[in-house]
Amino acid sequence: MSDLIVSGLIASSYQAAIAVSGGGSSAVASLLRVPGASRFVLEASVPYHKAALRAFLGTEPVSLCCSKVAGEMARIAYDRAMRWSGRESHCVGISCTAALQTRRERMGSNRAHLSVVLDRKRYYRLITLPAGAREDQELYLGRELLVYVHACLELADG
């Protein structure tokens, strides 16, 4: 299914900038492995370290994995998509910030916050990740992110 979703995104008239803070990087890899991906993907950023995410946001977030951070990452990505495409319509900013399985102690659950900004509309989704290995959570999250972006584009074109 994700190959069909990826093909649909690449064939769309949209151009995207993507920002993922580690979790969700498999979605970027899925897009970039397909010929013609540059029609859809203008830029992909992975501000993975806390300091890199702070620099990307230009501010000190209260939490690194929350809806507010995902929304701001998507807004920044949207602005960058408009800059790189040179147009104001059919641009999309995509973001994912996630707390995947880890070896260190964590407050809260394994989860991901997804945000999509397109044509000045903002979409948001919270995903509770299934228990399991980090690699499995990442693959699940990557598929869910691609499916969500596809659904948001369909809503916008609706």
Protein backbone atom coordinates (compact mmCIF):
# COMPACT_ATOMS: atom_id res chain seq x y z
CA MET A 1 0.00 0.00 0.00
CA SER A 2 2.72 2.52 0.84
CA ASP A 3 4.13 2.21 -2.72
CA LEU A 4 0.75 3.33 -4.07
CA ILE A 5 0.63 6.18 -1.56
CA VAL A 6 4.19 7.26 -2.44
CA SER A 7 3.37 7.15 -6.17
CA GLY A 8 0.23 9.20 -5.52
CA LEU A 9 2.15 11.84 -3.59
CA ILE A 10 4.82 12.12 -6.27
CA ALA A 11 2.18 12.34 -9.02
CA SER A 12 0.25 15.05 -7.16
CA SER A 13 0.64 18.68 -8.11
CA TYR A 14 1.98 19.44 -4.60
CA GLN A 15 5.53 20.21 -3.57
CA ALA A 16 6.64 19.55 0.00
CA ALA A 17 9.20 20.35 2.60
CA ILE A 18 9.39 17.73 5.33
CA ALA A 19 10.77 17.99 8.86
CA VAL A 20 11.00 14.95 11.10
CA SER A 21 12.78 14.81 14.43
CA GLY A 22 14.02 11.25 13.97
CA GLY A 23 10.74 9.34 14.10
CA GLY A 24 9.13 9.44 10.66
CA SER A 25 12.44 9.30 8.79
CA SER A 26 11.36 6.06 7.08
CA ALA A 27 8.63 8.08 5.31
CA VAL A 28 11.32 10.33 3.85
CA ALA A 29 13.35 7.29 2.79
CA SER A 30 10.26 5.74 1.16
CA LEU A 31 9.71 8.89 -0.87
CA LEU A 32 13.32 9.40 -1.90
CA ARG A 33 13.86 5.85 -3.13
CA VAL A 34 11.33 6.38 -5.95
CA PRO A 35 12.39 7.95 -9.26
CA GLY A 36 10.78 11.35 -9.71
CA ALA A 37 10.57 12.08 -5.97
CA SER A 38 11.98 15.56 -6.55
CA ARG A 39 8.66 16.55 -8.14
CA PHE A 40 7.12 16.26 -4.65
CA VAL A 41 10.01 16.56 -2.16
CA LEU A 42 11.75 19.92 -2.20
CA GLU A 43 13.57 19.45 1.09
CA ALA A 44 13.77 16.99 3.96
CA SER A 45 15.18 18.03 7.33
CA VAL A 46 15.95 15.81 10.29
CA PRO A 47 16.68 18.02 13.32
CA TYR A 48 17.33 14.96 15.52
CA HIS A 49 19.38 16.28 18.42
CA LYS A 50 17.69 18.61 20.95
CA ALA A 51 19.96 21.49 19.96
CA ALA A 52 19.26 20.93 16.25
CA LEU A 53 15.50 20.94 16.87
CA ARG A 54 15.80 24.12 18.94
CA ALA A 55 17.76 25.76 16.10
CA PHE A 56 15.20 24.60 13.52
CA LEU A 57 12.35 26.06 15.61
CA GLY A 58 14.26 29.19 16.60
CA THR A 59 12.97 28.82 20.15
CA GLU A 60 13.17 26.66 23.26
CA PRO A 61 10.20 24.26 23.25
CA VAL A 62 8.62 23.20 26.53
CA SER A 63 8.47 19.61 25.24
CA LEU A 64 10.25 18.08 22.27
CA CYS A 65 7.40 15.70 21.40
CA CYS A 66 4.09 17.55 21.45
CA SER A 67 1.42 18.98 19.16
CA LYS A 68 2.78 22.51 19.44
CA VAL A 69 6.25 21.49 18.24
CA ALA A 70 4.79 19.41 15.39
CA GLY A 71 2.63 22.34 14.31
CA GLU A 72 5.52 24.79 14.36
CA MET A 73 7.77 22.37 12.46
CA ALA A 74 5.08 21.99 9.77
CA ARG A 75 4.60 25.76 9.54
CA ILE A 76 8.33 26.27 9.06
CA ALA A 77 8.42 23.47 6.49
CA TYR A 78 5.47 25.06 4.65
CA ASP A 79 7.26 28.41 4.50
CA ARG A 80 10.34 26.68 3.13
CA ALA A 81 8.26 24.80 0.53
CA MET A 82 6.81 28.11 -0.67
CA ARG A 83 10.32 29.60 -0.82
CA TRP A 84 11.85 26.70 -2.78
CA SER A 85 8.87 26.23 -5.14
CA GLY A 86 8.42 29.93 -5.86
CA ARG A 87 4.65 29.62 -5.63
CA GLU A 88 2.01 30.04 -2.95
CA SER A 89 -0.43 27.30 -3.85
CA HIS A 90 0.03 23.56 -3.84
CA CYS A 91 2.81 23.72 -1.28
CA VAL A 92 2.79 21.50 1.78
CA GLY A 93 4.73 21.46 5.02
CA ILE A 94 4.94 18.09 6.72
CA SER A 95 6.24 17.31 10.18
CA CYS A 96 6.56 14.50 12.66
CA THR A 97 7.96 14.55 16.16
CA ALA A 98 7.98 11.23 17.95
CA ALA A 99 8.93 9.39 21.11
CA LEU A 100 9.88 5.90 19.97
CA GLN A 101 11.06 2.96 22.04
CA THR A 102 14.28 3.90 23.83
CA ARG A 103 16.77 2.55 26.35
CA ARG A 104 16.53 5.55 28.63
CA GLU A 105 13.72 6.28 31.02
CA ARG A 106 11.01 8.42 29.49
CA MET A 107 8.06 10.33 30.78
CA GLY A 108 4.96 9.51 28.77
CA SER A 109 4.05 6.95 26.14
CA ASN A 110 5.53 5.95 22.81
CA ARG A 111 3.74 8.39 20.53
CA ALA A 112 4.02 10.64 17.52
CA HIS A 113 2.59 14.03 16.63
CA LEU A 114 2.00 14.63 12.91
CA SER A 115 1.20 17.98 11.36
CA VAL A 116 0.52 19.02 7.79
CA VAL A 117 0.16 22.61 6.59
CA LEU A 118 -1.15 23.24 3.10
CA ASP A 119 -2.84 26.18 1.50
CA ARG A 120 -2.74 27.87 4.91
CA LYS A 121 -4.74 25.06 6.57
CA ARG A 122 -3.26 23.04 9.42
CA TYR A 123 -3.98 19.36 10.03
CA TYR A 124 -2.91 17.42 13.11
CA ARG A 125 -2.90 13.81 14.26
CA LEU A 126 -1.68 12.05 17.40
CA ILE A 127 -0.56 8.45 17.05
CA THR A 128 -0.03 6.11 19.97
CA LEU A 129 2.65 3.73 18.80
CA PRO A 130 2.23 -0.01 19.32
CA ALA A 131 4.57 -1.72 21.76
CA GLY A 132 7.54 -3.38 20.14
CA ALA A 133 10.99 -2.82 18.76
CA ARG A 134 12.02 0.69 17.75
CA GLU A 135 12.56 -0.40 14.14
CA ASP A 136 9.02 -1.78 13.92
CA GLN A 137 7.61 1.41 15.46
CA GLU A 138 9.54 3.49 12.91
CA LEU A 139 8.25 1.48 9.96
CA TYR A 140 4.69 1.72 11.30
CA LEU A 141 5.06 5.47 11.85
CA GLY A 142 6.55 6.05 8.39
CA ARG A 143 3.59 4.32 6.73
CA GLU A 144 1.09 6.21 8.91
CA LEU A 145 2.73 9.55 8.08
CA LEU A 146 2.55 8.91 4.33
CA VAL A 147 -1.07 7.77 4.53
CA TYR A 148 -1.95 10.84 6.61
CA VAL A 149 -0.29 13.26 4.20
CA HIS A 150 -2.09 11.62 1.29
CA ALA A 151 -5.43 11.95 3.11
CA CYS A 152 -4.78 15.63 3.86
CA LEU A 153 -4.01 16.33 0.20
CA GLU A 154 -7.21 14.58 -0.83
CA LEU A 155 -9.20 16.70 1.67
CA ALA A 156 -7.64 19.86 0.28
CA ASP A 157 -8.45 18.87 -3.28
CA GLY A 158 -11.95 17.62 -2.23
